[in-house]
C-alpha cells in the first residue's frame, strides 16, 4: 500500500510551499480513503504510511491523472491554494492519491518522475 502526491512543476513555487502543498494533499487524500476505503487506509497506516512525491509539467496533466484515479476507484483530492503567499487564490497545486494498493498507484503514476 502506498500514497502518491503529484505536484505541478510549472508553478515555480518554493521548496517550503511545495512541502506545505504535499502535506495538504497527503492528509486530504488519506482522510477520504479513511472514509471510503477503510481497509486500504488501515493497512497503509499499519504498514508505515509509505508515500512517493512525483511531478507533472502542468495543470492539464494533473487533471488527467485525477480523472484516471476516479475511474480506478483510487481516493484522491486536488489541492487548491488559499493564495496567501506565492500563487493566486484557488490555484491547483497538487493531487493526493490514495492510499491504495501499490499496483493501482503504479498503474496510474508509475511513469512519472520523482520530484
Protein backbone atom coordinates (compact mmCIF):
# COMPACT_ATOMS: atom_id res chain seq x y z
CA UNK A 1 0.00 0.00 0.00
CA UNK A 2 1.18 3.49 -0.74
CA UNK A 3 0.13 7.03 -1.35
CA UNK A 4 1.33 9.25 -4.18
CA UNK A 5 1.38 13.01 -4.23
CA UNK A 6 1.75 14.71 -7.60
CA UNK A 7 2.92 18.33 -7.78
CA UNK A 8 2.83 20.79 -10.67
CA UNK A 9 6.32 21.93 -11.62
CA UNK A 10 5.15 24.80 -13.85
CA UNK A 11 4.25 26.98 -10.86
CA UNK A 12 7.87 27.56 -9.82
CA UNK A 13 6.97 27.65 -6.14
CA UNK A 14 9.49 27.49 -3.30
CA UNK A 15 10.56 24.28 -1.57
CA UNK A 16 8.67 25.34 1.55
CA UNK A 17 5.50 25.94 -0.43
CA UNK A 18 5.86 22.54 -2.12
CA UNK A 19 6.26 20.88 1.28
CA UNK A 20 3.08 22.54 2.51
CA UNK A 21 1.09 21.53 -0.56
CA UNK A 22 2.36 17.95 -0.32
CA UNK A 23 1.28 17.82 3.33
CA UNK A 24 -2.19 19.13 2.43
CA UNK A 25 -2.51 16.58 -0.38
CA UNK A 26 -1.36 13.66 1.74
CA UNK A 27 -3.70 14.40 4.63
CA UNK A 28 -6.69 15.26 2.44
CA UNK A 29 -6.45 12.11 0.33
CA UNK A 30 -5.81 9.94 3.40
CA UNK A 31 -8.95 11.24 5.11
CA UNK A 32 -11.01 10.48 2.02
CA UNK A 33 -9.53 6.99 1.92
CA UNK A 34 -10.26 6.51 5.61
CA UNK A 35 -13.94 7.19 4.91
CA UNK A 36 -14.31 5.44 1.55
CA UNK A 37 -11.68 2.66 1.57
CA UNK A 38 -11.24 1.96 5.27
CA UNK A 39 -9.40 -1.36 4.81
CA UNK A 40 -6.90 0.27 2.41
CA UNK A 41 -6.35 3.13 4.84
CA UNK A 42 -5.86 0.83 7.83
CA UNK A 43 -3.39 -1.44 6.03
CA UNK A 44 -1.42 1.57 4.74
CA UNK A 45 -1.40 3.19 8.17
CA UNK A 46 -0.31 -0.01 9.90
CA UNK A 47 2.46 -0.56 7.32
CA UNK A 48 4.06 2.85 7.98
CA UNK A 49 2.23 5.18 5.57
CA UNK A 50 4.53 4.80 2.52
CA UNK A 51 4.45 7.83 0.19
CA UNK A 52 6.05 8.97 -3.05
CA UNK A 53 6.14 12.52 -4.39
CA UNK A 54 6.10 12.98 -8.16
CA UNK A 55 5.88 15.84 -10.62
CA UNK A 56 3.95 16.76 -13.74
CA UNK A 57 4.50 19.60 -16.17
CA UNK A 58 1.15 21.37 -15.91
CA UNK A 59 -2.44 21.54 -14.73
CA UNK A 60 -3.84 19.55 -17.66
CA UNK A 61 -1.55 16.62 -16.81
CA UNK A 62 -2.68 16.74 -13.18
CA UNK A 63 -6.35 16.76 -14.16
CA UNK A 64 -5.86 13.76 -16.47
CA UNK A 65 -4.37 11.79 -13.59
CA UNK A 66 -7.28 12.74 -11.34
CA UNK A 67 -9.77 11.55 -13.96
CA UNK A 68 -7.94 8.20 -14.24
CA UNK A 69 -7.81 7.89 -10.44
CA UNK A 70 -11.56 8.40 -10.28
CA UNK A 71 -12.10 5.69 -12.90
CA UNK A 72 -9.83 3.27 -10.99
CA UNK A 73 -11.59 3.94 -7.68
CA UNK A 74 -8.49 5.46 -6.08
CA UNK A 75 -9.31 8.02 -3.36
CA UNK A 76 -7.88 11.38 -4.39
CA UNK A 77 -8.01 15.10 -3.75
CA UNK A 78 -6.92 18.11 -5.78
CA UNK A 79 -5.35 20.83 -3.64
CA UNK A 80 -6.27 24.47 -4.22
CA UNK A 81 -4.05 27.05 -2.60
CA UNK A 82 -5.53 29.82 -0.44
CA UNK A 83 -3.38 32.35 -2.28
CA UNK A 84 -1.83 34.00 0.76
CA UNK A 85 1.79 33.78 -0.38
CA UNK A 86 3.12 32.66 -3.76
CA UNK A 87 0.22 31.87 -6.08
CA UNK A 88 -3.23 33.37 -6.73
CA UNK A 89 -6.17 32.08 -4.66
CA UNK A 90 -7.65 28.86 -6.00
CA UNK A 91 -4.54 27.76 -7.88
CA UNK A 92 -4.45 23.95 -8.12
CA UNK A 93 -1.01 22.93 -6.90
CA UNK A 94 -1.07 19.19 -6.19
CA UNK A 95 -3.02 15.96 -6.22
CA UNK A 96 -3.09 13.43 -3.41
CA UNK A 97 -3.69 9.82 -4.48
CA UNK A 98 -4.55 7.00 -2.13
CA UNK A 99 -3.53 5.22 -0.10
CA UNK A 100 -4.22 2.35 -2.44
CA UNK A 101 -2.58 -0.94 -3.40
CA UNK A 102 0.86 -0.45 -4.95
CA UNK A 103 -0.21 -1.95 -8.29
CA UNK A 104 -3.07 0.56 -8.65
CA UNK A 105 -0.82 3.53 -7.81
CA UNK A 106 1.92 2.24 -10.11
CA UNK A 107 -0.55 1.79 -12.98
CA UNK A 108 -1.66 5.38 -12.53
CA UNK A 109 1.61 7.26 -11.95
CA UNK A 110 4.42 4.74 -12.39
CA UNK A 111 5.87 6.59 -15.36
CA UNK A 112 6.11 9.99 -13.64
CA UNK A 113 9.46 11.32 -12.39
CA UNK A 114 10.16 11.88 -8.70
CA UNK A 115 10.01 15.48 -7.54
